[in-house]
PDB file of N, CA and C in Angstrom:
ATOM      1  N   MET A   1     116.205 148.976 199.858  1.00  0.00           N
ATOM      2  CA  MET A   1     115.737 148.318 198.644  1.00  0.00           C
ATOM      3  C   MET A   1     116.483 148.940 197.453  1.00  0.00           C
ATOM      4  N   PRO A   2     117.074 148.107 196.610  1.00  0.00           N
ATOM      5  CA  PRO A   2     117.789 148.630 195.431  1.00  0.00           C
ATOM      6  C   PRO A   2     116.846 149.402 194.499  1.00  0.00           C
ATOM      7  N   ILE A   3     117.437 150.312 193.744  1.00  0.00           N
ATOM      8  CA  ILE A   3     116.657 151.200 192.879  1.00  0.00           C
ATOM      9  C   ILE A   3     115.824 150.427 191.857  1.00  0.00           C
ATOM     10  N   VAL A   4     116.348 149.325 191.330  1.00  0.00           N
ATOM     11  CA  VAL A   4     115.586 148.535 190.345  1.00  0.00           C
ATOM     12  C   VAL A   4     114.323 147.988 190.999  1.00  0.00           C
ATOM     13  N   GLU A   5     114.467 147.468 192.207  1.00  0.00           N
ATOM     14  CA  GLU A   5     113.308 146.917 192.921  1.00  0.00           C
ATOM     15  C   GLU A   5     112.285 148.009 193.239  1.00  0.00           C
ATOM     16  N   ARG A   6     112.768 149.194 193.561  1.00  0.00           N
ATOM     17  CA  ARG A   6     111.853 150.302 193.848  1.00  0.00           C
ATOM     18  C   ARG A   6     111.088 150.721 192.599  1.00  0.00           C
ATOM     19  N   PHE A   7     111.785 150.749 191.463  1.00  0.00           N
ATOM     20  CA  PHE A   7     111.099 151.098 190.220  1.00  0.00           C
ATOM     21  C   PHE A   7     110.050 150.045 189.872  1.00  0.00           C
ATOM     22  N   ILE A   8     110.359 148.794 190.112  1.00  0.00           N
ATOM     23  CA  ILE A   8     109.387 147.726 189.856  1.00  0.00           C
ATOM     24  C   ILE A   8     108.159 147.924 190.750  1.00  0.00           C
ATOM     25  N   ALA A   9     108.372 148.285 192.007  1.00  0.00           N
ATOM     26  CA  ALA A   9     107.252 148.528 192.927  1.00  0.00           C
ATOM     27  C   ALA A   9     106.388 149.693 192.441  1.00  0.00           C
ATOM     28  N   VAL A  10     107.019 150.761 191.963  1.00  0.00           N
ATOM     29  CA  VAL A  10     106.258 151.912 191.448  1.00  0.00           C
ATOM     30  C   VAL A  10     105.550 151.526 190.153  1.00  0.00           C
ATOM     31  N   TYR A  11     106.192 150.687 189.342  1.00  0.00           N
ATOM     32  CA  TYR A  11     105.549 150.220 188.109  1.00  0.00           C
ATOM     33  C   TYR A  11     104.279 149.423 188.436  1.00  0.00           C
ATOM     34  N   LYS A  12     104.334 148.597 189.457  1.00  0.00           N
ATOM     35  CA  LYS A  12     103.150 147.825 189.861  1.00  0.00           C
ATOM     36  C   LYS A  12     102.014 148.759 190.275  1.00  0.00           C
ATOM     37  N   LEU A  13     102.373 149.830 190.965  1.00  0.00           N
ATOM     38  CA  LEU A  13     101.377 150.835 191.346  1.00  0.00           C
ATOM     39  C   LEU A  13     100.777 151.472 190.091  1.00  0.00           C
ATOM     40  N   TRP A  14     101.632 151.872 189.159  1.00  0.00           N
ATOM     41  CA  TRP A  14     101.183 152.446 187.887  1.00  0.00           C
ATOM     42  C   TRP A  14     100.258 151.471 187.157  1.00  0.00           C
ATOM     43  N   ASP A  15     100.610 150.198 187.171  1.00  0.00           N
ATOM     44  CA  ASP A  15      99.830 149.191 186.460  1.00  0.00           C
ATOM     45  C   ASP A  15      98.389 149.136 186.969  1.00  0.00           C
ATOM     46  N   GLU A  16      98.204 149.354 188.259  1.00  0.00           N
ATOM     47  CA  GLU A  16      96.845 149.406 188.817  1.00  0.00           C
ATOM     48  C   GLU A  16      96.091 150.633 188.301  1.00  0.00           C
ATOM     49  N   PHE A  17      96.790 151.756 188.188  1.00  0.00           N
ATOM     50  CA  PHE A  17      96.162 153.003 187.760  1.00  0.00           C
ATOM     51  C   PHE A  17      95.845 153.004 186.271  1.00  0.00           C
ATOM     52  N   ARG A  18      96.653 152.324 185.497  1.00  0.00           N
ATOM     53  CA  ARG A  18      96.493 152.327 184.035  1.00  0.00           C
ATOM     54  C   ARG A  18      95.124 151.795 183.624  1.00  0.00           C
ATOM     55  N   ASP A  19      94.608 150.850 184.355  1.00  0.00           N
ATOM     56  CA  ASP A  19      93.303 150.276 184.020  1.00  0.00           C
ATOM     57  C   ASP A  19      92.170 151.295 184.140  1.00  0.00           C
ATOM     58  N   ASP A  20      92.398 152.361 184.905  1.00  0.00           N
ATOM     59  CA  ASP A  20      91.382 153.404 185.062  1.00  0.00           C
ATOM     60  C   ASP A  20      91.392 154.423 183.922  1.00  0.00           C
ATOM     61  N   PHE A  21      92.402 154.348 183.066  1.00  0.00           N
ATOM     62  CA  PHE A  21      92.463 155.268 181.925  1.00  0.00           C
ATOM     63  C   PHE A  21      91.309 154.971 180.969  1.00  0.00           C
ATOM     64  N   PRO A  22      90.681 155.992 180.404  1.00  0.00           N
ATOM     65  CA  PRO A  22      89.653 155.749 179.389  1.00  0.00           C
ATOM     66  C   PRO A  22      90.284 155.057 178.177  1.00  0.00           C
ATOM     67  N   LYS A  23      89.488 154.290 177.490  1.00  0.00           N
ATOM     68  CA  LYS A  23      89.985 153.534 176.337  1.00  0.00           C
ATOM     69  C   LYS A  23      90.699 154.445 175.335  1.00  0.00           C
ATOM     70  N   LYS A  24      90.181 155.653 175.181  1.00  0.00           N
ATOM     71  CA  LYS A  24      90.726 156.618 174.224  1.00  0.00           C
ATOM     72  C   LYS A  24      92.209 156.910 174.484  1.00  0.00           C
ATOM     73  N   THR A  25      92.608 156.983 175.750  1.00  0.00           N
ATOM     74  CA  THR A  25      94.001 157.313 176.078  1.00  0.00           C
ATOM     75  C   THR A  25      94.806 156.129 176.602  1.00  0.00           C
ATOM     76  N   ARG A  26      94.148 155.040 176.930  1.00  0.00           N
ATOM     77  CA  ARG A  26      94.859 153.877 177.478  1.00  0.00           C
ATOM     78  C   ARG A  26      95.876 153.324 176.493  1.00  0.00           C
ATOM     79  N   TYR A  27      95.523 153.314 175.226  1.00  0.00           N
ATOM     80  CA  TYR A  27      96.396 152.701 174.220  1.00  0.00           C
ATOM     81  C   TYR A  27      97.307 153.711 173.528  1.00  0.00           C
ATOM     82  N   THR A  28      97.282 154.944 173.983  1.00  0.00           N
ATOM     83  CA  THR A  28      98.198 155.955 173.439  1.00  0.00           C
ATOM     84  C   THR A  28      99.070 156.463 174.586  1.00  0.00           C
ATOM     85  N   LEU A  29      98.528 157.352 175.375  1.00  0.00           N
ATOM     86  CA  LEU A  29      99.261 157.935 176.486  1.00  0.00           C
ATOM     87  C   LEU A  29      99.619 156.875 177.538  1.00  0.00           C
ATOM     88  N   GLY A  30      98.680 156.022 177.849  1.00  0.00           N
ATOM     89  CA  GLY A  30      98.934 154.962 178.832  1.00  0.00           C
ATOM     90  C   GLY A  30     100.047 154.028 178.400  1.00  0.00           C
ATOM     91  N   GLU A  31     100.036 153.649 177.128  1.00  0.00           N
ATOM     92  CA  GLU A  31     101.091 152.773 176.599  1.00  0.00           C
ATOM     93  C   GLU A  31     102.443 153.472 176.598  1.00  0.00           C
ATOM     94  N   LYS A  32     102.451 154.763 176.298  1.00  0.00           N
ATOM     95  CA  LYS A  32     103.700 155.535 176.282  1.00  0.00           C
ATOM     96  C   LYS A  32     104.310 155.563 177.682  1.00  0.00           C
ATOM     97  N   ILE A  33     103.497 155.827 178.676  1.00  0.00           N
ATOM     98  CA  ILE A  33     103.965 155.850 180.064  1.00  0.00           C
ATOM     99  C   ILE A  33     104.480 154.472 180.458  1.00  0.00           C
ATOM    100  N   ASP A  34     103.739 153.447 180.106  1.00  0.00           N
ATOM    101  CA  ASP A  34     104.130 152.075 180.398  1.00  0.00           C
ATOM    102  C   ASP A  34     105.490 151.753 179.769  1.00  0.00           C
ATOM    103  N   GLU A  35     105.655 152.163 178.536  1.00  0.00           N
ATOM    104  CA  GLU A  35     106.899 151.936 177.796  1.00  0.00           C
ATOM    105  C   GLU A  35     108.088 152.596 178.503  1.00  0.00           C
ATOM    106  N   TYR A  36     107.905 153.821 178.979  1.00  0.00           N
ATOM    107  CA  TYR A  36     108.992 154.507 179.681  1.00  0.00           C
ATOM    108  C   TYR A  36     109.352 153.793 180.980  1.00  0.00           C
ATOM    109  N   PHE A  37     108.361 153.350 181.727  1.00  0.00           N
ATOM    110  CA  PHE A  37     108.647 152.589 182.948  1.00  0.00           C
ATOM    111  C   PHE A  37     109.513 151.369 182.627  1.00  0.00           C
ATOM    112  N   ILE A  38     109.114 150.611 181.633  1.00  0.00           N
ATOM    113  CA  ILE A  38     109.833 149.388 181.280  1.00  0.00           C
ATOM    114  C   ILE A  38     111.249 149.696 180.800  1.00  0.00           C
ATOM    115  N   GLN A  39     111.400 150.740 180.001  1.00  0.00           N
ATOM    116  CA  GLN A  39     112.735 151.109 179.514  1.00  0.00           C
ATOM    117  C   GLN A  39     113.651 151.527 180.659  1.00  0.00           C
ATOM    118  N   ILE A  40     113.131 152.275 181.613  1.00  0.00           N
ATOM    119  CA  ILE A  40     113.938 152.708 182.756  1.00  0.00           C
ATOM    120  C   ILE A  40     114.369 151.500 183.578  1.00  0.00           C
ATOM    121  N   ILE A  41     113.446 150.602 183.854  1.00  0.00           N
ATOM    122  CA  ILE A  41     113.777 149.398 184.620  1.00  0.00           C
ATOM    123  C   ILE A  41     114.857 148.603 183.900  1.00  0.00           C
ATOM    124  N   GLU A  42     114.727 148.459 182.590  1.00  0.00           N
ATOM    125  CA  GLU A  42     115.718 147.716 181.809  1.00  0.00           C
ATOM    126  C   GLU A  42     117.091 148.394 181.870  1.00  0.00           C
ATOM    127  N   LEU A  43     117.141 149.707 181.682  1.00  0.00           N
ATOM    128  CA  LEU A  43     118.419 150.430 181.728  1.00  0.00           C
ATOM    129  C   LEU A  43     119.088 150.300 183.094  1.00  0.00           C
ATOM    130  N   LEU A  44     118.321 150.410 184.157  1.00  0.00           N
ATOM    131  CA  LEU A  44     118.886 150.294 185.500  1.00  0.00           C
ATOM    132  C   LEU A  44     119.350 148.872 185.790  1.00  0.00           C
ATOM    133  N   PHE A  45     118.605 147.902 185.309  1.00  0.00           N
ATOM    134  CA  PHE A  45     118.990 146.502 185.494  1.00  0.00           C
ATOM    135  C   PHE A  45     120.316 146.222 184.790  1.00  0.00           C
ATOM    136  N   ILE A  46     120.440 146.687 183.546  1.00  0.00           N
ATOM    137  CA  ILE A  46     121.687 146.501 182.794  1.00  0.00           C
ATOM    138  C   ILE A  46     122.836 147.209 183.514  1.00  0.00           C
ATOM    139  N   ALA A  47     122.611 148.450 183.932  1.00  0.00           N
ATOM    140  CA  ALA A  47     123.659 149.219 184.615  1.00  0.00           C
ATOM    141  C   ALA A  47     124.145 148.514 185.876  1.00  0.00           C
ATOM    142  N   SER A  48     123.243 147.830 186.553  1.00  0.00           N
ATOM    143  CA  SER A  48     123.624 147.172 187.805  1.00  0.00           C
ATOM    144  C   SER A  48     124.633 146.044 187.589  1.00  0.00           C
ATOM    145  N   TYR A  49     124.743 145.538 186.369  1.00  0.00           N
ATOM    146  CA  TYR A  49     125.669 144.442 186.077  1.00  0.00           C
ATOM    147  C   TYR A  49     126.960 144.903 185.410  1.00  0.00           C
ATOM    148  N   LEU A  50     127.067 146.171 185.083  1.00  0.00           N
ATOM    149  CA  LEU A  50     128.247 146.671 184.378  1.00  0.00           C
ATOM    150  C   LEU A  50     129.319 147.147 185.353  1.00  0.00           C
ATOM    151  N   VAL A  51     130.540 147.271 184.831  1.00  0.00           N
ATOM    152  CA  VAL A  51     131.614 147.845 185.639  1.00  0.00           C
ATOM    153  C   VAL A  51     131.368 149.350 185.755  1.00  0.00           C
ATOM    154  N   LYS A  52     131.965 149.965 186.763  1.00  0.00           N
ATOM    155  CA  LYS A  52     131.671 151.366 187.106  1.00  0.00           C
ATOM    156  C   LYS A  52     131.678 152.318 185.919  1.00  0.00           C
ATOM    157  N   GLN A  53     132.743 152.315 185.133  1.00  0.00           N
ATOM    158  CA  GLN A  53     132.855 153.295 184.053  1.00  0.00           C
ATOM    159  C   GLN A  53     131.829 153.076 182.942  1.00  0.00           C
ATOM    160  N   GLU A  54     131.278 151.886 182.825  1.00  0.00           N
ATOM    161  CA  GLU A  54     130.273 151.608 181.793  1.00  0.00           C
ATOM    162  C   GLU A  54     128.848 151.919 182.254  1.00  0.00           C
ATOM    163  N   LYS A  55     128.646 152.118 183.535  1.00  0.00           N
ATOM    164  CA  LYS A  55     127.307 152.369 184.082  1.00  0.00           C
ATOM    165  C   LYS A  55     126.774 153.759 183.733  1.00  0.00           C
ATOM    166  N   ILE A  56     127.657 154.752 183.719  1.00  0.00           N
ATOM    167  CA  ILE A  56     127.247 156.158 183.614  1.00  0.00           C
ATOM    168  C   ILE A  56     126.354 156.443 182.403  1.00  0.00           C
ATOM    169  N   PRO A  57     126.695 155.981 181.183  1.00  0.00           N
ATOM    170  CA  PRO A  57     125.796 156.265 180.047  1.00  0.00           C
ATOM    171  C   PRO A  57     124.392 155.672 180.230  1.00  0.00           C
ATOM    172  N   TYR A  58     124.301 154.504 180.846  1.00  0.00           N
ATOM    173  CA  TYR A  58     122.995 153.883 181.079  1.00  0.00           C
ATOM    174  C   TYR A  58     122.195 154.680 182.105  1.00  0.00           C
ATOM    175  N   LEU A  59     122.878 155.168 183.126  1.00  0.00           N
ATOM    176  CA  LEU A  59     122.191 155.961 184.148  1.00  0.00           C
ATOM    177  C   LEU A  59     121.712 157.292 183.577  1.00  0.00           C
ATOM    178  N   ARG A  60     122.510 157.878 182.710  1.00  0.00           N
ATOM    179  CA  ARG A  60     122.098 159.144 182.084  1.00  0.00           C
ATOM    180  C   ARG A  60     120.890 158.935 181.176  1.00  0.00           C
ATOM    181  N   ARG A  61     120.896 157.846 180.421  1.00  0.00           N
ATOM    182  CA  ARG A  61     119.732 157.545 179.566  1.00  0.00           C
ATOM    183  C   ARG A  61     118.495 157.299 180.418  1.00  0.00           C
ATOM    184  N   ALA A  62     118.669 156.580 181.529  1.00  0.00           N
ATOM    185  CA  ALA A  62     117.543 156.325 182.433  1.00  0.00           C
ATOM    186  C   ALA A  62     117.019 157.638 183.012  1.00  0.00           C
ATOM    187  N   SER A  63     117.912 158.558 183.314  1.00  0.00           N
ATOM    188  CA  SER A  63     117.515 159.852 183.866  1.00  0.00           C
ATOM    189  C   SER A  63     116.689 160.658 182.860  1.00  0.00           C
ATOM    190  N   VAL A  64     117.112 160.655 181.606  1.00  0.00           N
ATOM    191  CA  VAL A  64     116.355 161.356 180.555  1.00  0.00           C
ATOM    192  C   VAL A  64     114.979 160.715 180.388  1.00  0.00           C
ATOM    193  N   LYS A  65     114.936 159.393 180.399  1.00  0.00           N
ATOM    194  CA  LYS A  65     113.651 158.698 180.256  1.00  0.00           C
ATOM    195  C   LYS A  65     112.749 158.963 181.461  1.00  0.00           C
ATOM    196  N   LEU A  66     113.348 159.077 182.637  1.00  0.00           N
ATOM    197  CA  LEU A  66     112.568 159.401 183.832  1.00  0.00           C
ATOM    198  C   LEU A  66     111.935 160.787 183.699  1.00  0.00           C
ATOM    199  N   ASP A  67     112.697 161.747 183.199  1.00  0.00           N
ATOM    200  CA  ASP A  67     112.137 163.086 182.977  1.00  0.00           C
ATOM    201  C   ASP A  67     110.996 163.045 181.958  1.00  0.00           C
ATOM    202  N   SER A  68     111.156 162.241 180.916  1.00  0.00           N
ATOM    203  CA  SER A  68     110.088 162.088 179.911  1.00  0.00           C
ATOM    204  C   SER A  68     108.861 161.427 180.523  1.00  0.00           C
ATOM    205  N   LEU A  69     109.086 160.425 181.356  1.00  0.00           N
ATOM    206  CA  LEU A  69     107.988 159.743 182.043  1.00  0.00           C
ATOM    207  C   LEU A  69     107.201 160.736 182.892  1.00  0.00           C
ATOM    208  N   LYS A  70     107.910 161.571 183.634  1.00  0.00           N
ATOM    209  CA  LYS A  70     107.239 162.584 184.460  1.00  0.00           C
ATOM    210  C   LYS A  70     106.413 163.539 183.601  1.00  0.00           C
ATOM    211  N   LEU A  71     106.951 163.898 182.441  1.00  0.00           N
ATOM    212  CA  LEU A  71     106.227 164.784 181.523  1.00  0.00           C
ATOM    213  C   LEU A  71     104.909 164.148 181.079  1.00  0.00           C
ATOM    214  N   PHE A  72     104.955 162.887 180.662  1.00  0.00           N
ATOM    215  CA  PHE A  72     103.737 162.225 180.183  1.00  0.00           C
ATOM    216  C   PHE A  72     102.739 161.973 181.310  1.00  0.00           C
ATOM    217  N   LEU A  73     103.230 161.740 182.516  1.00  0.00           N
ATOM    218  CA  LEU A  73     102.314 161.628 183.655  1.00  0.00           C
ATOM    219  C   LEU A  73     101.633 162.968 183.920  1.00  0.00           C
ATOM    220  N   ARG A  74     102.404 164.055 183.798  1.00  0.00           N
ATOM    221  CA  ARG A  74     101.811 165.382 183.991  1.00  0.00           C
ATOM    222  C   ARG A  74     100.754 165.666 182.929  1.00  0.00           C
ATOM    223  N   ILE A  75     101.032 165.284 181.696  1.00  0.00           N
ATOM    224  CA  ILE A  75     100.051 165.474 180.622  1.00  0.00           C
ATOM    225  C   ILE A  75      98.778 164.698 180.935  1.00  0.00           C
ATOM    226  N   SER A  76      98.924 163.458 181.407  1.00  0.00           N
ATOM    227  CA  SER A  76      97.732 162.662 181.728  1.00  0.00           C
ATOM    228  C   SER A  76      96.952 163.289 182.879  1.00  0.00           C
ATOM    229  N   TRP A  77      97.649 163.909 183.821  1.00  0.00           N
ATOM    230  CA  TRP A  77      96.979 164.609 184.918  1.00  0.00           C
ATOM    231  C   TRP A  77      96.266 165.857 184.397  1.00  0.00           C
ATOM    232  N   GLU A  78      96.936 166.616 183.513  1.00  0.00           N
ATOM    233  CA  GLU A  78      96.324 167.827 182.958  1.00  0.00           C
ATOM    234  C   GLU A  78      95.090 167.504 182.118  1.00  0.00           C
ATOM    235  N   LEU A  79      95.102 166.338 181.477  1.00  0.00           N
ATOM    236  CA  LEU A  79      93.938 165.904 180.699  1.00  0.00           C
ATOM    237  C   LEU A  79      92.855 165.291 181.586  1.00  0.00           C
ATOM    238  N   LYS A  80      93.136 165.240 182.889  1.00  0.00           N
ATOM    239  CA  LYS A  80      92.218 164.673 183.882  1.00  0.00           C
ATOM    240  C   LYS A  80      91.986 163.173 183.679  1.00  0.00           C
ATOM    241  N   VAL A  81      92.969 162.525 183.085  1.00  0.00           N
ATOM    242  CA  VAL A  81      92.927 161.074 182.917  1.00  0.00           C
ATOM    243  C   VAL A  81      93.443 160.415 184.195  1.00  0.00           C
ATOM    244  N   LEU A  82      94.350 161.098 184.863  1.00  0.00           N
ATOM    245  CA  LEU A  82      94.921 160.637 186.128  1.00  0.00           C
ATOM    246  C   LEU A  82      94.496 161.641 187.197  1.00  0.00           C
ATOM    247  N   ASP A  83      93.840 161.163 188.254  1.00  0.00           N
ATOM    248  CA  ASP A  83      93.359 162.106 189.270  1.00  0.00           C
ATOM    249  C   ASP A  83      94.505 162.627 190.143  1.00  0.00           C
ATOM    250  N   ASN A  84      94.202 163.652 190.926  1.00  0.00           N
ATOM    251  CA  ASN A  84      95.217 164.323 191.750  1.00  0.00           C
ATOM    252  C   ASN A  84      95.944 163.363 192.678  1.00  0.00           C
ATOM    253  N   LYS A  85      95.196 162.544 193.374  1.00  0.00           N
ATOM    254  CA  LYS A  85      95.777 161.637 194.366  1.00  0.00           C
ATOM    255  C   LYS A  85      96.774 160.675 193.714  1.00  0.00           C
ATOM    256  N   LYS A  86      96.394 160.082 192.610  1.00  0.00           N
ATOM    257  CA  LYS A  86      97.268 159.131 191.915  1.00  0.00           C
ATOM    258  C   LYS A  86      98.485 159.838 191.325  1.00  0.00           C
ATOM    259  N   PHE A  87      98.259 161.020 190.770  1.00  0.00           N
ATOM    260  CA  PHE A  87      99.364 161.790 190.192  1.00  0.00           C
ATOM    261  C   PHE A  87     100.382 162.157 191.267  1.00  0.00           C
ATOM    262  N   ILE A  88      99.910 162.628 192.402  1.00  0.00           N
ATOM    263  CA  ILE A  88     100.807 163.013 193.498  1.00  0.00           C
ATOM    264  C   ILE A  88     101.568 161.800 194.014  1.00  0.00           C
ATOM    265  N   LEU A  89     100.880 160.693 194.179  1.00  0.00           N
ATOM    266  CA  LEU A  89     101.523 159.476 194.673  1.00  0.00           C
ATOM    267  C   LEU A  89     102.636 159.020 193.735  1.00  0.00           C
ATOM    268  N   LEU A  90     102.339 158.944 192.447  1.00  0.00           N
ATOM    269  CA  LEU A  90     103.359 158.541 191.472  1.00  0.00           C
ATOM    270  C   LEU A  90     104.493 159.561 191.414  1.00  0.00           C
ATOM    271  N   SER A  91     104.156 160.839 191.429  1.00  0.00           N
ATOM    272  CA  SER A  91     105.171 161.896 191.348  1.00  0.00           C
ATOM    273  C   SER A  91     106.129 161.844 192.531  1.00  0.00           C
ATOM    274  N   GLU A  92     105.595 161.629 193.721  1.00  0.00           N
ATOM    275  CA  GLU A  92     106.459 161.543 194.906  1.00  0.00           C
ATOM    276  C   GLU A  92     107.434 160.382 194.788  1.00  0.00           C
ATOM    277  N   HIS A  93     106.930 159.236 194.363  1.00  0.00           N
ATOM    278  CA  HIS A  93     107.808 158.070 194.187  1.00  0.00           C
ATOM    279  C   HIS A  93     108.864 158.337 193.118  1.00  0.00           C
ATOM    280  N   LEU A  94     108.454 158.920 192.007  1.00  0.00           N
ATOM    281  CA  LEU A  94     109.395 159.165 190.913  1.00  0.00           C
ATOM    282  C   LEU A  94     110.417 160.241 191.274  1.00  0.00           C
ATOM    283  N   ASP A  95     110.021 161.224 192.065  1.00  0.00           N
ATOM    284  CA  ASP A  95     110.990 162.222 192.538  1.00  0.00           C
ATOM    285  C   ASP A  95     112.052 161.557 193.413  1.00  0.00           C
ATOM    286  N   GLU A  96     111.608 160.658 194.268  1.00  0.00           N
ATOM    287  CA  GLU A  96     112.548 159.917 195.118  1.00  0.00           C
ATOM    288  C   GLU A  96     113.489 159.061 194.261  1.00  0.00           C
ATOM    289  N   MET A  97     112.942 158.417 193.236  1.00  0.00           N
ATOM    290  CA  MET A  97     113.766 157.600 192.340  1.00  0.00           C
ATOM    291  C   MET A  97     114.780 158.470 191.598  1.00  0.00           C
ATOM    292  N   GLY A  98     114.358 159.665 191.218  1.00  0.00           N
ATOM    293  CA  GLY A  98     115.259 160.595 190.539  1.00  0.00           C
ATOM    294  C   GLY A  98     116.432 160.989 191.427  1.00  0.00           C
ATOM    295  N   LYS A  99     116.157 161.209 192.705  1.00  0.00           N
ATOM    296  CA  LYS A  99     117.228 161.536 193.648  1.00  0.00           C
ATOM    297  C   LYS A  99     118.188 160.364 193.801  1.00  0.00           C
ATOM    298  N   MET A 100     117.641 159.164 193.889  1.00  0.00           N
ATOM    299  CA  MET A 100     118.492 157.974 194.005  1.00  0.00           C
ATOM    300  C   MET A 100     119.354 157.804 192.758  1.00  0.00           C
ATOM    301  N   LEU A 101     118.740 157.986 191.612  1.00  0.00           N
ATOM    302  CA  LEU A 101     119.448 157.849 190.338  1.00  0.00           C
ATOM    303  C   LEU A 101     120.554 158.900 190.222  1.00  0.00           C
ATOM    304  N   GLY A 102     120.236 160.132 190.566  1.00  0.00           N
ATOM    305  CA  GLY A 102     121.235 161.201 190.541  1.00  0.00           C
ATOM    306  C   GLY A 102     122.375 160.945 191.513  1.00  0.00           C
ATOM    307  N   GLY A 103     122.056 160.432 192.685  1.00  0.00           N
ATOM    308  CA  GLY A 103     123.085 160.102 193.672  1.00  0.00           C
ATOM    309  C   GLY A 103     124.007 159.003 193.183  1.00  0.00           C
ATOM    310  N   TRP A 104     123.429 157.993 192.543  1.00  0.00           N
ATOM    311  CA  TRP A 104     124.218 156.889 191.999  1.00  0.00           C
ATOM    312  C   TRP A 104     125.175 157.421 190.928  1.00  0.00           C
ATOM    313  N   GLU A 105     124.652 158.262 190.053  1.00  0.00           N
ATOM    314  CA  GLU A 105     125.471 158.827 188.981  1.00  0.00           C
ATOM    315  C   GLU A 105     126.584 159.723 189.542  1.00  0.00           C
ATOM    316  N   ARG A 106     126.257 160.567 190.522  1.00  0.00           N
ATOM    317  CA  ARG A 106     127.270 161.441 191.131  1.00  0.00           C
ATOM    318  C   ARG A 106     128.368 160.627 191.807  1.00  0.00           C
ATOM    319  N   GLN A 107     127.966 159.569 192.482  1.00  0.00           N
ATOM    320  CA  GLN A 107     128.942 158.713 193.160  1.00  0.00           C
ATOM    321  C   GLN A 107     129.895 158.086 192.141  1.00  0.00           C
ATOM    322  N   LEU A 108     129.364 157.661 191.010  1.00  0.00           N
ATOM    323  CA  LEU A 108     130.204 157.045 189.977  1.00  0.00           C
ATOM    324  C   LEU A 108     131.121 158.061 189.304  1.00  0.00           C
ATOM    325  N   THR A 109     130.608 159.251 189.036  1.00  0.00           N
ATOM    326  CA  THR A 109     131.454 160.259 188.387  1.00  0.00           C
ATOM    327  C   THR A 109     132.530 160.763 189.345  1.00  0.00           C
ATOM    328  N   LYS A 110     132.223 160.792 190.634  1.00  0.00           N
ATOM    329  CA  LYS A 110     133.201 161.216 191.627  1.00  0.00           C
ATOM    330  C   LYS A 110     134.335 160.191 191.726  1.00  0.00           C
ATOM    331  N   THR A 111     133.991 158.906 191.745  1.00  0.00           N
ATOM    332  CA  THR A 111     135.022 157.870 191.876  1.00  0.00           C
ATOM    333  C   THR A 111     135.815 157.698 190.590  1.00  0.00           C
ATOM    334  N   SER A 112     135.203 157.951 189.439  1.00  0.00           N
ATOM    335  CA  SER A 112     135.937 157.795 188.179  1.00  0.00           C
ATOM    336  C   SER A 112     136.819 159.007 187.888  1.00  0.00           C
ATOM    337  N   ALA A 113     136.616 160.107 188.626  1.00  0.00           N
ATOM    338  CA  ALA A 113     137.427 161.310 188.419  1.00  0.00           C
ATOM    339  C   ALA A 113     138.812 161.175 189.048  1.00  0.00           C
ATOM    340  N   TYR A 114     138.963 160.224 189.958  1.00  0.00           N
ATOM    341  CA  TYR A 114     140.257 160.042 190.636  1.00  0.00           C
ATOM    342  C   TYR A 114     141.179 159.167 189.859  1.00  0.00           C
TER     343      TYR A 114
END
């Protein structure tokens, strides 16, 4: 499954969890997390249509946003807005996505170095 499709699948999972957020944090922290998911999906979608040398900046931006997304998910877990099971499930998926993203970027930088 391509990385964009995998991120969409994880976003759907997140979307189910977001409804469990208390109203107090749903429209602040929940919206921030949602925004990062959407931005990452958009960056990866755009990168998938670009030529090799133009993809790298989009992948790097997506990687930074992924790290920010993980940070905000951790904050929601520390605030006990997201329970352990949901946090672990999302974290495992996002770690896998990070590896895929890093692999894609390494492959592109390796081929553009020649």
